Amino acid sequence: MSQAPANCSGGGFPYALRMLRQVTTTLAIASRGRGLVDITAQVAAVVRGAELATGLATLFVRHTSASLVIQENADPEVRADLERFFARLVRDGDALFRHRDEGPDDMPAHVRAALTAVTLSIPVVAGRLALGTWQGIYLWEHRTRPHRREVTVHVLGE
């Protein structure tokens, strides 16, 4: 026969047991080629649909030539500046790269993804993503041609 934990009285817990719930879905995102695609609204809809008051949203992009970032959503020049910086940092067609199976942007896209992130974790507070005023969630397409990308969203909380 097992014994009740020391903080129990009368065989029951002095507090209500809370159960964690989770929701997982995969978003299909169409890119128009290299650049940032705002996916904040789609992720926020998943979080709202989970009907959790508090928790954590984890995002994962299922590709090796795209990434996820949280960036300013007010001034589009921020995103353009990031793209210009990466164009200088990792040039398409650089002779350094041997992997070119899908063209001169193939290996540079992998390097860009390696330098950024393929996962994000965002707190959920009062049923909403706890993003700052000027923050948005972006899929960053690193290939020059349009692609269909998948982002898995997992929301865990209570």
N, C-alpha and C. Protein backbone atom coordinates (compact mmCIF):
# COMPACT_ATOMS: atom_id res chain seq x y z
N MET A 1 0.85 -1.17 0.00
CA MET A 1 0.00 0.00 0.00
C MET A 1 0.89 1.23 0.00
N SER A 2 0.63 2.16 -0.89
CA SER A 2 1.45 3.36 -0.97
C SER A 2 0.96 4.41 0.02
N GLN A 3 1.88 5.25 0.44
CA GLN A 3 1.53 6.31 1.38
C GLN A 3 1.31 7.61 0.62
N ALA A 4 0.41 8.44 1.13
CA ALA A 4 0.16 9.75 0.53
C ALA A 4 1.36 10.65 0.80
N PRO A 5 1.67 11.56 -0.14
CA PRO A 5 2.75 12.51 0.09
C PRO A 5 2.52 13.31 1.37
N ALA A 6 3.60 13.77 1.97
CA ALA A 6 3.55 14.49 3.25
C ALA A 6 2.65 15.72 3.21
N ASN A 7 2.47 16.35 2.06
CA ASN A 7 1.67 17.57 1.99
C ASN A 7 0.19 17.30 1.78
N CYS A 8 -0.22 16.06 1.89
CA CYS A 8 -1.63 15.71 1.68
C CYS A 8 -2.35 15.61 3.01
N SER A 9 -3.59 15.99 3.00
CA SER A 9 -4.41 15.79 4.19
C SER A 9 -5.64 15.01 3.78
N GLY A 10 -5.97 14.00 4.53
CA GLY A 10 -7.15 13.21 4.23
C GLY A 10 -7.06 12.45 2.93
N GLY A 11 -5.84 12.17 2.46
CA GLY A 11 -5.65 11.39 1.25
C GLY A 11 -5.78 12.17 -0.04
N GLY A 12 -6.10 13.47 0.01
CA GLY A 12 -6.22 14.27 -1.20
C GLY A 12 -5.19 15.37 -1.23
N PHE A 13 -4.93 15.90 -2.39
CA PHE A 13 -3.97 16.99 -2.52
C PHE A 13 -4.62 18.31 -2.10
N PRO A 14 -3.89 19.19 -1.44
CA PRO A 14 -4.46 20.46 -0.98
C PRO A 14 -4.65 21.46 -2.12
N TYR A 15 -4.32 21.08 -3.29
CA TYR A 15 -4.48 21.95 -4.46
C TYR A 15 -5.04 21.11 -5.60
N ALA A 16 -5.64 21.76 -6.53
CA ALA A 16 -6.19 21.04 -7.68
C ALA A 16 -5.06 20.60 -8.59
N LEU A 17 -5.11 19.39 -9.03
CA LEU A 17 -4.11 18.91 -9.99
C LEU A 17 -4.37 19.57 -11.34
N ARG A 18 -3.35 20.08 -11.93
CA ARG A 18 -3.48 20.70 -13.24
C ARG A 18 -2.88 19.78 -14.28
N MET A 19 -3.57 19.66 -15.35
CA MET A 19 -3.11 18.80 -16.43
C MET A 19 -2.57 19.65 -17.57
N LEU A 20 -1.40 19.33 -18.01
CA LEU A 20 -0.86 19.99 -19.19
C LEU A 20 -1.56 19.44 -20.42
N ARG A 21 -1.83 20.32 -21.36
CA ARG A 21 -2.40 19.92 -22.63
C ARG A 21 -1.44 20.35 -23.73
N GLN A 22 -1.55 19.70 -24.87
CA GLN A 22 -0.70 20.08 -25.99
C GLN A 22 -1.43 19.97 -27.31
N VAL A 23 -1.01 20.80 -28.23
CA VAL A 23 -1.55 20.84 -29.58
C VAL A 23 -0.36 20.92 -30.53
N THR A 24 -0.42 20.12 -31.58
CA THR A 24 0.62 20.16 -32.60
C THR A 24 -0.03 20.26 -33.96
N THR A 25 0.49 21.15 -34.79
CA THR A 25 0.00 21.27 -36.16
C THR A 25 1.17 21.68 -37.05
N THR A 26 1.01 21.47 -38.33
CA THR A 26 2.04 21.88 -39.29
C THR A 26 1.45 22.89 -40.25
N LEU A 27 2.10 24.03 -40.34
CA LEU A 27 1.68 25.10 -41.26
C LEU A 27 2.42 24.93 -42.58
N ALA A 28 1.72 25.12 -43.68
CA ALA A 28 2.34 25.14 -45.01
C ALA A 28 2.52 26.60 -45.40
N ILE A 29 3.75 26.98 -45.64
CA ILE A 29 4.08 28.37 -45.95
C ILE A 29 4.67 28.43 -47.36
N ALA A 30 4.10 29.27 -48.21
CA ALA A 30 4.62 29.46 -49.56
C ALA A 30 5.54 30.68 -49.56
N SER A 31 6.77 30.46 -49.97
CA SER A 31 7.69 31.60 -50.09
C SER A 31 7.70 32.06 -51.54
N ARG A 32 8.13 33.28 -51.75
CA ARG A 32 8.26 33.81 -53.11
C ARG A 32 9.71 33.83 -53.55
N GLY A 33 10.54 33.09 -52.84
CA GLY A 33 11.98 33.11 -53.07
C GLY A 33 12.63 33.78 -51.88
N ARG A 34 13.89 34.07 -51.99
CA ARG A 34 14.67 34.58 -50.87
C ARG A 34 14.00 35.78 -50.20
N GLY A 35 13.94 35.71 -48.86
CA GLY A 35 13.35 36.80 -48.10
C GLY A 35 12.59 36.28 -46.90
N LEU A 36 12.05 37.21 -46.12
CA LEU A 36 11.33 36.88 -44.90
C LEU A 36 9.83 36.90 -45.14
N VAL A 37 9.16 35.86 -44.64
CA VAL A 37 7.71 35.72 -44.76
C VAL A 37 7.12 35.81 -43.35
N ASP A 38 6.25 36.77 -43.12
CA ASP A 38 5.64 36.96 -41.81
C ASP A 38 4.62 35.85 -41.56
N ILE A 39 4.86 35.04 -40.52
CA ILE A 39 3.95 33.95 -40.18
C ILE A 39 3.31 34.15 -38.81
N THR A 40 3.43 35.37 -38.27
CA THR A 40 2.91 35.66 -36.93
C THR A 40 1.43 35.34 -36.80
N ALA A 41 0.63 35.76 -37.74
CA ALA A 41 -0.83 35.55 -37.66
C ALA A 41 -1.18 34.06 -37.65
N GLN A 42 -0.50 33.27 -38.49
CA GLN A 42 -0.79 31.84 -38.53
C GLN A 42 -0.44 31.16 -37.21
N VAL A 43 0.73 31.54 -36.64
CA VAL A 43 1.14 30.94 -35.37
C VAL A 43 0.20 31.39 -34.24
N ALA A 44 -0.17 32.67 -34.23
CA ALA A 44 -1.08 33.18 -33.21
C ALA A 44 -2.43 32.46 -33.27
N ALA A 45 -2.90 32.12 -34.47
CA ALA A 45 -4.16 31.40 -34.62
C ALA A 45 -4.07 30.00 -34.01
N VAL A 46 -2.94 29.34 -34.18
CA VAL A 46 -2.75 28.02 -33.58
C VAL A 46 -2.79 28.14 -32.06
N VAL A 47 -2.11 29.16 -31.52
CA VAL A 47 -2.07 29.36 -30.07
C VAL A 47 -3.48 29.65 -29.54
N ARG A 48 -4.22 30.52 -30.20
CA ARG A 48 -5.59 30.81 -29.77
C ARG A 48 -6.45 29.56 -29.80
N GLY A 49 -6.30 28.77 -30.85
CA GLY A 49 -7.08 27.54 -30.99
C GLY A 49 -6.76 26.50 -29.93
N ALA A 50 -5.56 26.57 -29.36
CA ALA A 50 -5.18 25.63 -28.31
C ALA A 50 -5.92 25.91 -27.00
N GLU A 51 -6.43 27.12 -26.85
CA GLU A 51 -7.19 27.53 -25.67
C GLU A 51 -6.44 27.26 -24.36
N LEU A 52 -5.17 27.64 -24.34
CA LEU A 52 -4.34 27.51 -23.15
C LEU A 52 -4.11 28.89 -22.56
N ALA A 53 -4.12 29.00 -21.25
CA ALA A 53 -3.88 30.30 -20.61
C ALA A 53 -2.40 30.61 -20.54
N THR A 54 -1.61 29.59 -20.25
CA THR A 54 -0.17 29.80 -20.11
C THR A 54 0.56 28.58 -20.66
N GLY A 55 1.74 28.81 -21.19
CA GLY A 55 2.49 27.69 -21.74
C GLY A 55 3.64 28.14 -22.60
N LEU A 56 3.96 27.31 -23.58
CA LEU A 56 5.10 27.55 -24.46
C LEU A 56 4.75 27.08 -25.86
N ALA A 57 5.01 27.94 -26.84
CA ALA A 57 4.86 27.56 -28.25
C ALA A 57 6.26 27.31 -28.81
N THR A 58 6.45 26.16 -29.40
CA THR A 58 7.72 25.81 -30.03
C THR A 58 7.47 25.65 -31.52
N LEU A 59 8.30 26.30 -32.32
CA LEU A 59 8.19 26.24 -33.77
C LEU A 59 9.43 25.56 -34.32
N PHE A 60 9.25 24.76 -35.37
CA PHE A 60 10.36 24.05 -35.99
C PHE A 60 10.15 24.05 -37.50
N VAL A 61 11.13 24.56 -38.26
CA VAL A 61 11.02 24.53 -39.72
C VAL A 61 11.67 23.23 -40.20
N ARG A 62 10.96 22.52 -41.05
CA ARG A 62 11.37 21.18 -41.46
C ARG A 62 12.20 21.19 -42.74
N HIS A 63 13.18 22.08 -42.79
CA HIS A 63 14.01 22.21 -43.99
C HIS A 63 15.42 22.64 -43.60
N THR A 64 16.38 22.42 -44.50
CA THR A 64 17.77 22.77 -44.22
C THR A 64 18.23 24.02 -44.97
N SER A 65 17.33 24.63 -45.71
CA SER A 65 17.70 25.85 -46.44
C SER A 65 16.71 26.99 -46.18
N ALA A 66 16.07 26.93 -45.02
CA ALA A 66 15.19 28.00 -44.54
C ALA A 66 15.35 28.04 -43.03
N SER A 67 14.94 29.14 -42.43
CA SER A 67 15.09 29.27 -40.98
C SER A 67 13.94 30.08 -40.40
N LEU A 68 13.96 30.21 -39.08
CA LEU A 68 12.95 30.98 -38.35
C LEU A 68 13.65 32.07 -37.55
N VAL A 69 13.07 33.26 -37.55
CA VAL A 69 13.61 34.36 -36.77
C VAL A 69 12.47 35.19 -36.20
N ILE A 70 12.76 35.85 -35.09
CA ILE A 70 11.86 36.87 -34.56
C ILE A 70 12.54 38.19 -34.88
N GLN A 71 11.82 39.07 -35.58
CA GLN A 71 12.40 40.34 -36.01
C GLN A 71 11.38 41.45 -35.93
N GLU A 72 11.87 42.65 -36.13
CA GLU A 72 10.99 43.82 -36.13
C GLU A 72 9.95 43.69 -37.24
N ASN A 73 8.71 44.03 -36.90
CA ASN A 73 7.63 43.92 -37.88
C ASN A 73 7.11 45.27 -38.36
N ALA A 74 7.74 46.37 -37.92
CA ALA A 74 7.22 47.70 -38.27
C ALA A 74 7.90 48.26 -39.52
N ASP A 75 9.21 48.29 -39.55
CA ASP A 75 9.94 48.90 -40.66
C ASP A 75 10.49 47.82 -41.58
N PRO A 76 10.00 47.70 -42.81
CA PRO A 76 10.47 46.67 -43.73
C PRO A 76 11.95 46.81 -44.09
N GLU A 77 12.52 48.00 -43.85
CA GLU A 77 13.95 48.17 -44.13
C GLU A 77 14.82 47.30 -43.23
N VAL A 78 14.33 46.96 -42.03
CA VAL A 78 15.09 46.06 -41.15
C VAL A 78 15.29 44.72 -41.85
N ARG A 79 14.22 44.17 -42.41
CA ARG A 79 14.32 42.89 -43.10
C ARG A 79 15.17 43.01 -44.36
N ALA A 80 15.05 44.11 -45.07
CA ALA A 80 15.88 44.32 -46.27
C ALA A 80 17.35 44.44 -45.89
N ASP A 81 17.64 45.13 -44.79
CA ASP A 81 19.03 45.25 -44.32
C ASP A 81 19.60 43.88 -43.94
N LEU A 82 18.80 43.06 -43.28
CA LEU A 82 19.26 41.71 -42.93
C LEU A 82 19.60 40.92 -44.18
N GLU A 83 18.74 41.03 -45.18
CA GLU A 83 18.99 40.30 -46.43
C GLU A 83 20.26 40.80 -47.11
N ARG A 84 20.46 42.11 -47.11
CA ARG A 84 21.69 42.67 -47.71
C ARG A 84 22.93 42.21 -46.94
N PHE A 85 22.85 42.17 -45.61
CA PHE A 85 23.97 41.72 -44.80
C PHE A 85 24.32 40.27 -45.13
N PHE A 86 23.30 39.40 -45.18
CA PHE A 86 23.57 38.00 -45.48
C PHE A 86 24.07 37.81 -46.91
N ALA A 87 23.63 38.65 -47.83
CA ALA A 87 24.13 38.57 -49.21
C ALA A 87 25.63 38.87 -49.25
N ARG A 88 26.07 39.76 -48.39
CA ARG A 88 27.50 40.09 -48.31
C ARG A 88 28.27 38.99 -47.58
N LEU A 89 27.65 38.45 -46.53
CA LEU A 89 28.30 37.45 -45.68
C LEU A 89 28.45 36.10 -46.39
N VAL A 90 27.39 35.67 -47.08
CA VAL A 90 27.36 34.36 -47.73
C VAL A 90 26.91 34.56 -49.17
N ARG A 91 27.87 34.66 -50.06
CA ARG A 91 27.57 34.98 -51.47
C ARG A 91 27.17 33.73 -52.27
N ASP A 92 26.15 33.90 -53.11
CA ASP A 92 25.77 32.83 -54.03
C ASP A 92 26.91 32.59 -55.01
N GLY A 93 27.14 31.31 -55.33
CA GLY A 93 28.15 30.97 -56.32
C GLY A 93 29.59 31.07 -55.83
N ASP A 94 29.81 31.28 -54.56
CA ASP A 94 31.17 31.38 -54.02
C ASP A 94 31.94 30.11 -54.35
N ALA A 95 33.14 30.26 -54.88
CA ALA A 95 33.97 29.12 -55.28
C ALA A 95 34.36 28.23 -54.10
N LEU A 96 34.22 28.73 -52.90
CA LEU A 96 34.50 27.95 -51.70
C LEU A 96 33.59 26.72 -51.61
N PHE A 97 32.36 26.85 -52.09
CA PHE A 97 31.36 25.80 -51.92
C PHE A 97 31.41 24.79 -53.07
N ARG A 98 31.43 23.50 -52.72
CA ARG A 98 31.42 22.43 -53.71
C ARG A 98 30.01 21.89 -53.93
N HIS A 99 29.17 21.97 -52.92
CA HIS A 99 27.80 21.46 -53.03
C HIS A 99 26.96 22.47 -53.81
N ARG A 100 26.60 22.08 -55.04
CA ARG A 100 25.82 22.95 -55.92
C ARG A 100 24.75 22.15 -56.66
N ASP A 101 24.27 21.09 -56.03
CA ASP A 101 23.33 20.18 -56.70
C ASP A 101 22.11 20.90 -57.26
N GLU A 102 21.64 21.93 -56.56
CA GLU A 102 20.43 22.63 -56.99
C GLU A 102 20.71 24.06 -57.44
N GLY A 103 21.96 24.36 -57.74
CA GLY A 103 22.29 25.69 -58.24
C GLY A 103 23.25 26.45 -57.33
N PRO A 104 23.64 27.64 -57.76
CA PRO A 104 24.64 28.42 -57.03
C PRO A 104 24.15 28.95 -55.68
N ASP A 105 22.84 28.93 -55.44
CA ASP A 105 22.32 29.39 -54.14
C ASP A 105 22.12 28.23 -53.15
N ASP A 106 22.42 26.99 -53.58
CA ASP A 106 22.14 25.81 -52.76
C ASP A 106 22.95 25.81 -51.46
N MET A 107 24.25 25.75 -51.54
CA MET A 107 25.07 25.71 -50.32
C MET A 107 24.98 27.01 -49.53
N PRO A 108 24.98 28.17 -50.16
CA PRO A 108 24.79 29.39 -49.37
C PRO A 108 23.49 29.36 -48.55
N ALA A 109 22.43 28.76 -49.08
CA ALA A 109 21.18 28.65 -48.33
C ALA A 109 21.36 27.78 -47.08
N HIS A 110 22.13 26.70 -47.21
CA HIS A 110 22.40 25.85 -46.05
C HIS A 110 23.22 26.60 -44.99
N VAL A 111 24.19 27.37 -45.43
CA VAL A 111 25.02 28.14 -44.50
C VAL A 111 24.18 29.19 -43.79
N ARG A 112 23.32 29.90 -44.53
CA ARG A 112 22.45 30.91 -43.92
C ARG A 112 21.54 30.28 -42.85
N ALA A 113 21.00 29.10 -43.16
CA ALA A 113 20.14 28.42 -42.19
C ALA A 113 20.95 28.01 -40.96
N ALA A 114 22.19 27.57 -41.16
CA ALA A 114 23.03 27.17 -40.04
C ALA A 114 23.39 28.36 -39.15
N LEU A 115 23.46 29.54 -39.71
CA LEU A 115 23.81 30.74 -38.95
C LEU A 115 22.63 31.36 -38.22
N THR A 116 21.43 30.93 -38.56
CA THR A 116 20.24 31.49 -37.92
C THR A 116 19.63 30.40 -37.02
N ALA A 117 18.36 30.12 -37.11
CA ALA A 117 17.73 29.13 -36.23
C ALA A 117 16.66 28.34 -36.99
N VAL A 118 16.50 27.09 -36.63
CA VAL A 118 15.41 26.29 -37.20
C VAL A 118 14.31 26.05 -36.17
N THR A 119 14.54 26.47 -34.92
CA THR A 119 13.51 26.38 -33.88
C THR A 119 13.40 27.70 -33.14
N LEU A 120 12.19 27.97 -32.66
CA LEU A 120 11.93 29.12 -31.80
C LEU A 120 11.04 28.66 -30.65
N SER A 121 11.24 29.25 -29.48
CA SER A 121 10.37 29.01 -28.34
C SER A 121 9.81 30.35 -27.89
N ILE A 122 8.49 30.44 -27.79
CA ILE A 122 7.84 31.70 -27.43
C ILE A 122 6.85 31.42 -26.30
N PRO A 123 6.98 32.13 -25.18
CA PRO A 123 6.03 31.93 -24.08
C PRO A 123 4.61 32.30 -24.51
N VAL A 124 3.65 31.58 -23.91
CA VAL A 124 2.23 31.90 -24.07
C VAL A 124 1.76 32.43 -22.71
N VAL A 125 1.25 33.65 -22.71
CA VAL A 125 0.78 34.31 -21.49
C VAL A 125 -0.63 34.83 -21.75
N ALA A 126 -1.54 34.51 -20.87
CA ALA A 126 -2.94 34.92 -21.00
C ALA A 126 -3.51 34.51 -22.37
N GLY A 127 -3.10 33.32 -22.83
CA GLY A 127 -3.64 32.78 -24.07
C GLY A 127 -3.06 33.35 -25.35
N ARG A 128 -2.03 34.19 -25.23
CA ARG A 128 -1.45 34.85 -26.42
C ARG A 128 0.06 34.69 -26.43
N LEU A 129 0.63 34.79 -27.63
CA LEU A 129 2.09 34.79 -27.75
C LEU A 129 2.64 36.02 -27.02
N ALA A 130 3.68 35.84 -26.23
CA ALA A 130 4.26 36.94 -25.45
C ALA A 130 5.32 37.68 -26.27
N LEU A 131 4.94 38.10 -27.46
CA LEU A 131 5.85 38.86 -28.32
C LEU A 131 5.83 40.33 -27.91
N GLY A 132 6.94 41.01 -28.14
CA GLY A 132 7.00 42.43 -27.89
C GLY A 132 6.23 43.20 -28.95
N THR A 133 6.03 44.48 -28.70
CA THR A 133 5.23 45.33 -29.57
C THR A 133 5.66 45.27 -31.03
N TRP A 134 6.96 45.29 -31.28
CA TRP A 134 7.45 45.37 -32.65
C TRP A 134 8.01 44.05 -33.14
N GLN A 135 7.68 42.95 -32.48
CA GLN A 135 8.22 41.66 -32.88
C GLN A 135 7.24 40.87 -33.74
N GLY A 136 7.78 40.24 -34.77
CA GLY A 136 7.02 39.33 -35.61
C GLY A 136 7.80 38.05 -35.79
N ILE A 137 7.09 36.98 -36.14
CA ILE A 137 7.72 35.68 -36.40
C ILE A 137 7.84 35.52 -37.91
N TYR A 138 9.03 35.18 -38.36
CA TYR A 138 9.28 35.09 -39.80
C TYR A 138 9.90 33.76 -40.18
N LEU A 139 9.42 33.21 -41.29
CA LEU A 139 10.12 32.15 -41.99
C LEU A 139 11.09 32.87 -42.92
N TRP A 140 12.36 32.51 -42.85
CA TRP A 140 13.35 33.15 -43.72
C TRP A 140 13.74 32.15 -44.80
N GLU A 141 13.26 32.42 -45.99
CA GLU A 141 13.59 31.59 -47.15
C GLU A 141 14.98 31.99 -47.63
N HIS A 142 15.88 31.00 -47.74
CA HIS A 142 17.25 31.29 -48.17
C HIS A 142 17.52 30.89 -49.62
N ARG A 143 16.58 30.22 -50.25
CA ARG A 143 16.74 29.88 -51.67
C ARG A 143 16.18 31.02 -52.52
N THR A 144 16.66 31.14 -53.75
CA THR A 144 16.22 32.24 -54.61
C THR A 144 14.88 31.96 -55.28
N ARG A 145 14.53 30.68 -55.42
CA ARG A 145 13.26 30.31 -56.05
C ARG A 145 12.17 30.12 -55.00
N PRO A 146 10.90 30.26 -55.36
CA PRO A 146 9.80 30.00 -54.44
C PRO A 146 9.81 28.53 -53.97
N HIS A 147 9.41 28.33 -52.73
CA HIS A 147 9.31 26.98 -52.17
C HIS A 147 8.08 26.90 -51.27
N ARG A 148 7.64 25.68 -51.05
CA ARG A 148 6.60 25.40 -50.05
C ARG A 148 7.32 24.86 -48.83
N ARG A 149 7.20 25.56 -47.73
CA ARG A 149 7.91 25.18 -46.51
C ARG A 149 6.91 24.73 -45.45
N GLU A 150 7.36 23.86 -44.57
CA GLU A 150 6.53 23.39 -43.48
C GLU A 150 7.12 23.82 -42.15
N VAL A 151 6.26 24.40 -41.30
CA VAL A 151 6.65 24.80 -39.96
C VAL A 151 5.73 24.06 -38.98
N THR A 152 6.31 23.23 -38.14
CA THR A 152 5.55 22.54 -37.12
C THR A 152 5.45 23.42 -35.89
N VAL A 153 4.23 23.57 -35.39
CA VAL A 153 3.97 24.38 -34.19
C VAL A 153 3.46 23.44 -33.11
N HIS A 154 4.14 23.45 -31.98
CA HIS A 154 3.74 22.65 -30.82
C HIS A 154 3.48 23.60 -29.66
N VAL A 155 2.27 23.52 -29.10
CA VAL A 155 1.89 24.39 -27.99
C VAL A 155 1.63 23.49 -26.79
N LEU A 156 2.28 23.79 -25.68
CA LEU A 156 2.15 23.01 -24.46
C LEU A 156 1.82 23.96 -23.31
N GLY A 157 0.85 23.59 -22.51
CA GLY A 157 0.52 24.46 -21.38
C GLY A 157 -0.76 24.03 -20.69
N GLU A 158 -1.31 24.99 -19.93
CA GLU A 158 -2.54 24.72 -19.19
C GLU A 158 -3.49 25.89 -19.29
